[in-house]
Amino acid sequence: MTGAPLLALLHLCDSLFPLGGFAHSDGLEAATASGTIATADDLRSWMDACLVDNLGRSEGPAVSLAWEAFLDRRVDALRSLDAEVHALRCSSAARQASRAMGTRLVKTWRRIRPTSGLGEALGDAMLTLPVAFGVVCASAGIDERATLEAFFYTRLAATISCAMRLMSIGQHEAHLLLADVLARVPAIVDGVLTRGDRPAVFFPAIDLAAMNQQYVPSRLFRS
């Protein structure tokens, strides 16, 4: 992938993009506050769960299906998928965070890329983050594999960024862990593309941590 689609993808994945993800830890803050995640090995296990269970089985399939539905202009299928993704998250905070980031992503992209066609296709729809990411990438001419790999990267990198603010872990150690996890991404993406599954959810540790976020006495993150 080269040219405009590549540049659009780099823009979309840049930490400067005003997505609001900096305000959310996806339960990691509650997990560190409780002592569940205290060491680099603990964090590695958390990242493994994020990669395999959350991204590989839930958010990744949602991104892929949203990408395909937008290209086919199946708006009803997109709305149905978004409702499904929203309902699958156990934590109300996680649902709200995903919907807030996804909606902000679409609105920002429509403003900075007015020829994207998002307005005509979606109107003022409020979308969860995986669905919004798939839609935006499809509108920018980014291929499906690159869309998935980019989404995986942004989610995993955001988790590491949160960990560096919540734990006693140095930059080199954190990025070594991130590099190890990213090395497994292509195989997980292969599975998403090959199976074509609907989103499925089973990551109880992450869901429980997200639900306990509201009880953290002093918080850096909203969720």
C-alpha atoms as a PDB file:
ATOM      1  CA  MET A   1       0.000   0.000   0.000  1.00  0.00           C
ATOM      2  CA  THR A   2       1.423   3.363  -1.056  1.00  0.00           C
ATOM      3  CA  GLY A   3       0.328   6.901  -1.807  1.00  0.00           C
ATOM      4  CA  ALA A   4      -2.812   8.502  -0.427  1.00  0.00           C
ATOM      5  CA  PRO A   5      -4.203   5.427   1.390  1.00  0.00           C
ATOM      6  CA  LEU A   6      -0.920   4.917   3.247  1.00  0.00           C
ATOM      7  CA  LEU A   7      -0.724   8.560   4.257  1.00  0.00           C
ATOM      8  CA  ALA A   8      -4.352   8.478   5.379  1.00  0.00           C
ATOM      9  CA  LEU A   9      -3.641   5.397   7.505  1.00  0.00           C
ATOM     10  CA  LEU A  10      -0.586   7.007   9.092  1.00  0.00           C
ATOM     11  CA  HIS A  11      -2.669  10.092   9.875  1.00  0.00           C
ATOM     12  CA  LEU A  12      -5.427   7.991  11.383  1.00  0.00           C
ATOM     13  CA  CYS A  13      -3.028   5.976  13.591  1.00  0.00           C
ATOM     14  CA  ASP A  14      -0.982   8.940  14.787  1.00  0.00           C
ATOM     15  CA  SER A  15      -1.239   9.568  18.528  1.00  0.00           C
ATOM     16  CA  LEU A  16      -1.944  13.217  17.701  1.00  0.00           C
ATOM     17  CA  PHE A  17      -5.242  12.278  16.044  1.00  0.00           C
ATOM     18  CA  PRO A  18      -7.997  13.697  18.306  1.00  0.00           C
ATOM     19  CA  LEU A  19      -9.708  10.418  19.128  1.00  0.00           C
ATOM     20  CA  GLY A  20      -9.875  10.794  22.903  1.00  0.00           C
ATOM     21  CA  GLY A  21      -8.274   7.404  23.534  1.00  0.00           C
ATOM     22  CA  PHE A  22      -5.867   8.992  26.021  1.00  0.00           C
ATOM     23  CA  ALA A  23      -8.749   9.138  28.529  1.00  0.00           C
ATOM     24  CA  HIS A  24      -9.393   5.395  28.593  1.00  0.00           C
ATOM     25  CA  SER A  25      -7.379   2.450  29.891  1.00  0.00           C
ATOM     26  CA  ASP A  26      -9.886  -0.351  29.117  1.00  0.00           C
ATOM     27  CA  GLY A  27      -9.752  -1.589  32.691  1.00  0.00           C
ATOM     28  CA  LEU A  28      -5.973  -1.569  33.064  1.00  0.00           C
ATOM     29  CA  GLU A  29      -6.083   1.196  35.676  1.00  0.00           C
ATOM     30  CA  ALA A  30      -8.413  -0.803  37.915  1.00  0.00           C
ATOM     31  CA  ALA A  31      -6.273  -3.916  37.393  1.00  0.00           C
ATOM     32  CA  THR A  32      -3.093  -2.114  38.441  1.00  0.00           C
ATOM     33  CA  ALA A  33      -4.810  -0.400  41.381  1.00  0.00           C
ATOM     34  CA  SER A  34      -5.977  -3.768  42.723  1.00  0.00           C
ATOM     35  CA  GLY A  35      -2.563  -5.350  42.275  1.00  0.00           C
ATOM     36  CA  THR A  36      -3.794  -7.815  39.652  1.00  0.00           C
ATOM     37  CA  ILE A  37      -1.321  -6.303  37.180  1.00  0.00           C
ATOM     38  CA  ALA A  38       1.870  -5.456  39.032  1.00  0.00           C
ATOM     39  CA  THR A  39       4.820  -6.756  36.981  1.00  0.00           C
ATOM     40  CA  ALA A  40       5.957  -6.890  33.383  1.00  0.00           C
ATOM     41  CA  ASP A  41       4.947 -10.555  33.263  1.00  0.00           C
ATOM     42  CA  ASP A  42       1.459  -9.632  34.464  1.00  0.00           C
ATOM     43  CA  LEU A  43       1.267  -6.971  31.778  1.00  0.00           C
ATOM     44  CA  ARG A  44       2.358  -9.482  29.154  1.00  0.00           C
ATOM     45  CA  SER A  45      -0.524 -11.773  30.149  1.00  0.00           C
ATOM     46  CA  TRP A  46      -2.915  -8.800  29.962  1.00  0.00           C
ATOM     47  CA  MET A  47      -1.632  -7.903  26.502  1.00  0.00           C
ATOM     48  CA  ASP A  48      -2.017 -11.501  25.374  1.00  0.00           C
ATOM     49  CA  ALA A  49      -5.667 -11.419  26.445  1.00  0.00           C
ATOM     50  CA  CYS A  50      -6.158  -8.110  24.641  1.00  0.00           C
ATOM     51  CA  LEU A  51      -4.653  -9.530  21.460  1.00  0.00           C
ATOM     52  CA  VAL A  52      -6.209 -12.977  21.326  1.00  0.00           C
ATOM     53  CA  ASP A  53      -9.524 -12.606  23.118  1.00  0.00           C
ATOM     54  CA  ASN A  54     -10.501  -8.986  22.566  1.00  0.00           C
ATOM     55  CA  LEU A  55      -8.920  -8.049  19.240  1.00  0.00           C
ATOM     56  CA  GLY A  56      -8.810 -11.508  17.701  1.00  0.00           C
ATOM     57  CA  ARG A  57     -12.346 -12.577  18.537  1.00  0.00           C
ATOM     58  CA  SER A  58     -14.323  -9.413  19.179  1.00  0.00           C
ATOM     59  CA  GLU A  59     -13.049  -6.101  17.868  1.00  0.00           C
ATOM     60  CA  GLY A  60     -11.055  -7.482  14.936  1.00  0.00           C
ATOM     61  CA  PRO A  61     -14.031  -9.273  13.359  1.00  0.00           C
ATOM     62  CA  ALA A  62     -16.118  -6.136  13.910  1.00  0.00           C
ATOM     63  CA  VAL A  63     -13.556  -3.997  12.059  1.00  0.00           C
ATOM     64  CA  SER A  64     -13.461  -6.475   9.176  1.00  0.00           C
ATOM     65  CA  LEU A  65     -17.231  -6.758   8.848  1.00  0.00           C
ATOM     66  CA  ALA A  66     -17.654  -2.973   9.042  1.00  0.00           C
ATOM     67  CA  TRP A  67     -15.036  -2.490   6.316  1.00  0.00           C
ATOM     68  CA  GLU A  68     -16.852  -4.918   4.026  1.00  0.00           C
ATOM     69  CA  ALA A  69     -20.316  -3.532   4.771  1.00  0.00           C
ATOM     70  CA  PHE A  70     -19.277   0.051   4.047  1.00  0.00           C
ATOM     71  CA  LEU A  71     -17.770  -0.878   0.681  1.00  0.00           C
ATOM     72  CA  ASP A  72     -20.994  -2.693  -0.221  1.00  0.00           C
ATOM     73  CA  ARG A  73     -23.053   0.262   1.080  1.00  0.00           C
ATOM     74  CA  ARG A  74     -24.993  -2.063   3.391  1.00  0.00           C
ATOM     75  CA  VAL A  75     -25.970   0.609   5.890  1.00  0.00           C
ATOM     76  CA  ASP A  76     -28.521  -1.555   7.686  1.00  0.00           C
ATOM     77  CA  ALA A  77     -25.874  -4.243   8.194  1.00  0.00           C
ATOM     78  CA  LEU A  78     -23.509  -1.621   9.603  1.00  0.00           C
ATOM     79  CA  ARG A  79     -26.077  -0.401  12.091  1.00  0.00           C
ATOM     80  CA  SER A  80     -26.913  -3.965  13.126  1.00  0.00           C
ATOM     81  CA  LEU A  81     -23.226  -4.784  13.575  1.00  0.00           C
ATOM     82  CA  ASP A  82     -22.687  -1.655  15.646  1.00  0.00           C
ATOM     83  CA  ALA A  83     -25.613  -2.518  17.927  1.00  0.00           C
ATOM     84  CA  GLU A  84     -24.183  -6.014  18.363  1.00  0.00           C
ATOM     85  CA  VAL A  85     -20.699  -4.753  19.237  1.00  0.00           C
ATOM     86  CA  HIS A  86     -22.169  -2.249  21.697  1.00  0.00           C
ATOM     87  CA  ALA A  87     -24.290  -4.896  23.423  1.00  0.00           C
ATOM     88  CA  LEU A  88     -21.466  -7.433  23.743  1.00  0.00           C
ATOM     89  CA  ARG A  89     -19.451  -5.366  26.210  1.00  0.00           C
ATOM     90  CA  CYS A  90     -20.436  -6.124  29.800  1.00  0.00           C
ATOM     91  CA  SER A  91     -19.227  -2.852  31.272  1.00  0.00           C
ATOM     92  CA  SER A  92     -21.322   0.264  30.713  1.00  0.00           C
ATOM     93  CA  ALA A  93     -18.116   2.329  30.924  1.00  0.00           C
ATOM     94  CA  ALA A  94     -16.547   0.252  28.146  1.00  0.00           C
ATOM     95  CA  ARG A  95     -19.655   0.647  26.002  1.00  0.00           C
ATOM     96  CA  GLN A  96     -19.703   4.390  26.502  1.00  0.00           C
ATOM     97  CA  ALA A  97     -15.973   4.711  25.826  1.00  0.00           C
ATOM     98  CA  SER A  98     -16.169   2.760  22.573  1.00  0.00           C
ATOM     99  CA  ARG A  99     -19.183   4.709  21.354  1.00  0.00           C
ATOM    100  CA  ALA A 100     -17.595   8.043  22.307  1.00  0.00           C
ATOM    101  CA  MET A 101     -14.297   7.309  20.543  1.00  0.00           C
ATOM    102  CA  GLY A 102     -15.974   5.840  17.477  1.00  0.00           C
ATOM    103  CA  THR A 103     -18.346   8.748  17.071  1.00  0.00           C
ATOM    104  CA  ARG A 104     -15.533  11.231  17.509  1.00  0.00           C
ATOM    105  CA  LEU A 105     -13.447   9.379  14.929  1.00  0.00           C
ATOM    106  CA  VAL A 106     -16.178   9.562  12.288  1.00  0.00           C
ATOM    107  CA  LYS A 107     -17.034  13.202  12.993  1.00  0.00           C
ATOM    108  CA  THR A 108     -13.394  14.272  12.885  1.00  0.00           C
ATOM    109  CA  TRP A 109     -12.701  12.327   9.698  1.00  0.00           C
ATOM    110  CA  ARG A 110     -15.752  13.842   7.998  1.00  0.00           C
ATOM    111  CA  ARG A 111     -14.541  17.314   8.929  1.00  0.00           C
ATOM    112  CA  ILE A 112     -10.958  16.897   7.746  1.00  0.00           C
ATOM    113  CA  ARG A 113     -11.851  14.682   4.758  1.00  0.00           C
ATOM    114  CA  PRO A 114     -15.152  16.109   3.504  1.00  0.00           C
ATOM    115  CA  THR A 115     -15.009  14.037   0.298  1.00  0.00           C
ATOM    116  CA  SER A 116     -14.877  10.729   2.194  1.00  0.00           C
ATOM    117  CA  GLY A 117     -18.570  10.003   1.606  1.00  0.00           C
ATOM    118  CA  LEU A 118     -19.199   9.258   5.278  1.00  0.00           C
ATOM    119  CA  GLY A 119     -21.883  11.898   5.628  1.00  0.00           C
ATOM    120  CA  GLU A 120     -23.939  10.569   2.740  1.00  0.00           C
ATOM    121  CA  ALA A 121     -23.636   6.961   3.909  1.00  0.00           C
ATOM    122  CA  LEU A 122     -24.023   7.326   7.674  1.00  0.00           C
ATOM    123  CA  GLY A 123     -25.664  10.638   8.435  1.00  0.00           C
ATOM    124  CA  ASP A 124     -25.227  11.398  12.136  1.00  0.00           C
ATOM    125  CA  ALA A 125     -24.860   7.771  13.224  1.00  0.00           C
ATOM    126  CA  MET A 126     -23.003   7.172  16.492  1.00  0.00           C
ATOM    127  CA  LEU A 127     -20.691   4.185  16.085  1.00  0.00           C
ATOM    128  CA  THR A 128     -18.545   2.043  18.334  1.00  0.00           C
ATOM    129  CA  LEU A 129     -14.790   2.328  17.791  1.00  0.00           C
ATOM    130  CA  PRO A 130     -14.179  -0.932  15.845  1.00  0.00           C
ATOM    131  CA  VAL A 131     -17.060  -0.248  13.470  1.00  0.00           C
ATOM    132  CA  ALA A 132     -16.036   3.375  12.996  1.00  0.00           C
ATOM    133  CA  PHE A 133     -12.427   2.423  12.287  1.00  0.00           C
ATOM    134  CA  GLY A 134     -13.437  -0.102   9.649  1.00  0.00           C
ATOM    135  CA  VAL A 135     -15.771   2.398   7.999  1.00  0.00           C
ATOM    136  CA  VAL A 136     -13.232   5.227   7.945  1.00  0.00           C
ATOM    137  CA  CYS A 137     -10.483   3.031   6.502  1.00  0.00           C
ATOM    138  CA  ALA A 138     -12.793   1.694   3.805  1.00  0.00           C
ATOM    139  CA  SER A 139     -13.771   5.253   2.872  1.00  0.00           C
ATOM    140  CA  ALA A 140     -10.067   6.153   2.535  1.00  0.00           C
ATOM    141  CA  GLY A 141      -9.261   3.263   0.187  1.00  0.00           C
ATOM    142  CA  ILE A 142      -7.209   1.367   2.782  1.00  0.00           C
ATOM    143  CA  ASP A 143      -7.242  -2.375   2.191  1.00  0.00           C
ATOM    144  CA  GLU A 144      -8.781  -4.772   4.681  1.00  0.00           C
ATOM    145  CA  ARG A 145      -5.577  -6.352   6.004  1.00  0.00           C
ATOM    146  CA  ALA A 146      -3.901  -2.987   6.537  1.00  0.00           C
ATOM    147  CA  THR A 147      -7.057  -1.756   8.285  1.00  0.00           C
ATOM    148  CA  LEU A 148      -6.995  -4.673  10.725  1.00  0.00           C
ATOM    149  CA  GLU A 149      -3.268  -4.487  11.404  1.00  0.00           C
ATOM    150  CA  ALA A 150      -3.504  -0.734  11.992  1.00  0.00           C
ATOM    151  CA  PHE A 151      -6.411  -1.139  14.392  1.00  0.00           C
ATOM    152  CA  PHE A 152      -4.564  -3.838  16.316  1.00  0.00           C
ATOM    153  CA  TYR A 153      -1.518  -1.602  16.524  1.00  0.00           C
ATOM    154  CA  THR A 154      -3.407   1.425  17.815  1.00  0.00           C
ATOM    155  CA  ARG A 155      -5.209  -0.599  20.495  1.00  0.00           C
ATOM    156  CA  LEU A 156      -2.097  -2.422  21.703  1.00  0.00           C
ATOM    157  CA  ALA A 157       0.052   0.711  21.636  1.00  0.00           C
ATOM    158  CA  ALA A 158      -2.605   2.576  23.634  1.00  0.00           C
ATOM    159  CA  THR A 159      -2.507  -0.160  26.280  1.00  0.00           C
ATOM    160  CA  ILE A 160       1.272   0.130  26.562  1.00  0.00           C
ATOM    161  CA  SER A 161       0.984   3.905  26.798  1.00  0.00           C
ATOM    162  CA  CYS A 162      -1.459   3.512  29.693  1.00  0.00           C
ATOM    163  CA  ALA A 163       0.812   0.973  31.386  1.00  0.00           C
ATOM    164  CA  MET A 164       3.756   3.371  31.298  1.00  0.00           C
ATOM    165  CA  ARG A 165       1.697   5.878  33.279  1.00  0.00           C
ATOM    166  CA  LEU A 166       0.247   3.337  35.709  1.00  0.00           C
ATOM    167  CA  MET A 167       3.120   0.956  36.434  1.00  0.00           C
ATOM    168  CA  SER A 168       6.788   0.948  37.271  1.00  0.00           C
ATOM    169  CA  ILE A 169       7.933  -0.017  33.786  1.00  0.00           C
ATOM    170  CA  GLY A 170      10.544   1.720  31.673  1.00  0.00           C
ATOM    171  CA  GLN A 171      10.267   2.783  28.065  1.00  0.00           C
ATOM    172  CA  HIS A 172      12.608   0.128  26.704  1.00  0.00           C
ATOM    173  CA  GLU A 173      10.930  -2.685  28.630  1.00  0.00           C
ATOM    174  CA  ALA A 174       7.487  -1.463  27.606  1.00  0.00           C
ATOM    175  CA  HIS A 175       8.366  -1.209  23.930  1.00  0.00           C
ATOM    176  CA  LEU A 176      10.122  -4.561  23.953  1.00  0.00           C
ATOM    177  CA  LEU A 177       6.892  -6.074  25.255  1.00  0.00           C
ATOM    178  CA  LEU A 178       4.898  -4.198  22.614  1.00  0.00           C
ATOM    179  CA  ALA A 179       7.223  -5.425  19.859  1.00  0.00           C
ATOM    180  CA  ASP A 180       6.824  -9.023  21.049  1.00  0.00           C
ATOM    181  CA  VAL A 181       3.038  -8.746  20.991  1.00  0.00           C
ATOM    182  CA  LEU A 182       2.987  -6.992  17.610  1.00  0.00           C
ATOM    183  CA  ALA A 183       5.023  -9.844  16.128  1.00  0.00           C
ATOM    184  CA  ARG A 184       1.989 -12.068  16.706  1.00  0.00           C
ATOM    185  CA  VAL A 185      -0.489  -9.695  15.076  1.00  0.00           C
ATOM    186  CA  PRO A 186      -0.177 -10.953  11.445  1.00  0.00           C
ATOM    187  CA  ALA A 187      -1.143 -14.504  12.461  1.00  0.00           C
ATOM    188  CA  ILE A 188      -4.160 -13.279  14.443  1.00  0.00           C
ATOM    189  CA  VAL A 189      -5.220 -11.078  11.522  1.00  0.00           C
ATOM    190  CA  ASP A 190      -4.913 -14.094   9.213  1.00  0.00           C
ATOM    191  CA  GLY A 191      -7.388 -15.899  11.442  1.00  0.00           C
ATOM    192  CA  VAL A 192      -9.853 -13.004  11.394  1.00  0.00           C
ATOM    193  CA  LEU A 193      -9.713 -12.778   7.608  1.00  0.00           C
ATOM    194  CA  THR A 194      -9.921 -16.529   7.053  1.00  0.00           C
ATOM    195  CA  ARG A 195     -12.750 -17.332   9.454  1.00  0.00           C
ATOM    196  CA  GLY A 196     -14.990 -14.330   8.795  1.00  0.00           C
ATOM    197  CA  ASP A 197     -16.624 -14.828  12.208  1.00  0.00           C
ATOM    198  CA  ARG A 198     -19.101 -12.539  13.895  1.00  0.00           C
ATOM    199  CA  PRO A 199     -17.755 -10.760  16.981  1.00  0.00           C
ATOM    200  CA  ALA A 200     -17.665 -12.960  20.088  1.00  0.00           C
ATOM    201  CA  VAL A 201     -16.790 -12.043  23.647  1.00  0.00           C
ATOM    202  CA  PHE A 202     -15.069 -13.930  26.425  1.00  0.00           C
ATOM    203  CA  PHE A 203     -12.490 -11.905  28.341  1.00  0.00           C
ATOM    204  CA  PRO A 204     -13.852 -11.866  31.901  1.00  0.00           C
ATOM    205  CA  ALA A 205     -10.705 -10.468  33.537  1.00  0.00           C
ATOM    206  CA  ILE A 206     -10.770  -7.395  31.308  1.00  0.00           C
ATOM    207  CA  ASP A 207     -14.523  -6.936  31.729  1.00  0.00           C
ATOM    208  CA  LEU A 208     -14.308  -7.229  35.525  1.00  0.00           C
ATOM    209  CA  ALA A 209     -11.483  -4.705  35.628  1.00  0.00           C
ATOM    210  CA  ALA A 210     -13.476  -2.301  33.462  1.00  0.00           C
ATOM    211  CA  MET A 211     -16.498  -2.645  35.746  1.00  0.00           C
ATOM    212  CA  ASN A 212     -14.319  -1.926  38.801  1.00  0.00           C
ATOM    213  CA  GLN A 213     -12.820   1.215  37.278  1.00  0.00           C
ATOM    214  CA  GLN A 214     -15.458   3.412  38.926  1.00  0.00           C
ATOM    215  CA  TYR A 215     -14.257   2.288  42.361  1.00  0.00           C
ATOM    216  CA  VAL A 216     -10.606   3.325  41.885  1.00  0.00           C
ATOM    217  CA  PRO A 217     -10.097   6.105  44.484  1.00  0.00           C
ATOM    218  CA  SER A 218      -7.838   8.346  42.426  1.00  0.00           C
ATOM    219  CA  ARG A 219      -8.089   7.896  38.679  1.00  0.00           C
ATOM    220  CA  LEU A 220      -6.018   8.952  35.682  1.00  0.00           C
ATOM    221  CA  PHE A 221      -8.520   7.511  33.207  1.00  0.00           C
ATOM    222  CA  ARG A 222     -12.285   7.562  32.762  1.00  0.00           C
ATOM    223  CA  SER A 223     -12.499   3.865  32.037  1.00  0.00           C
END
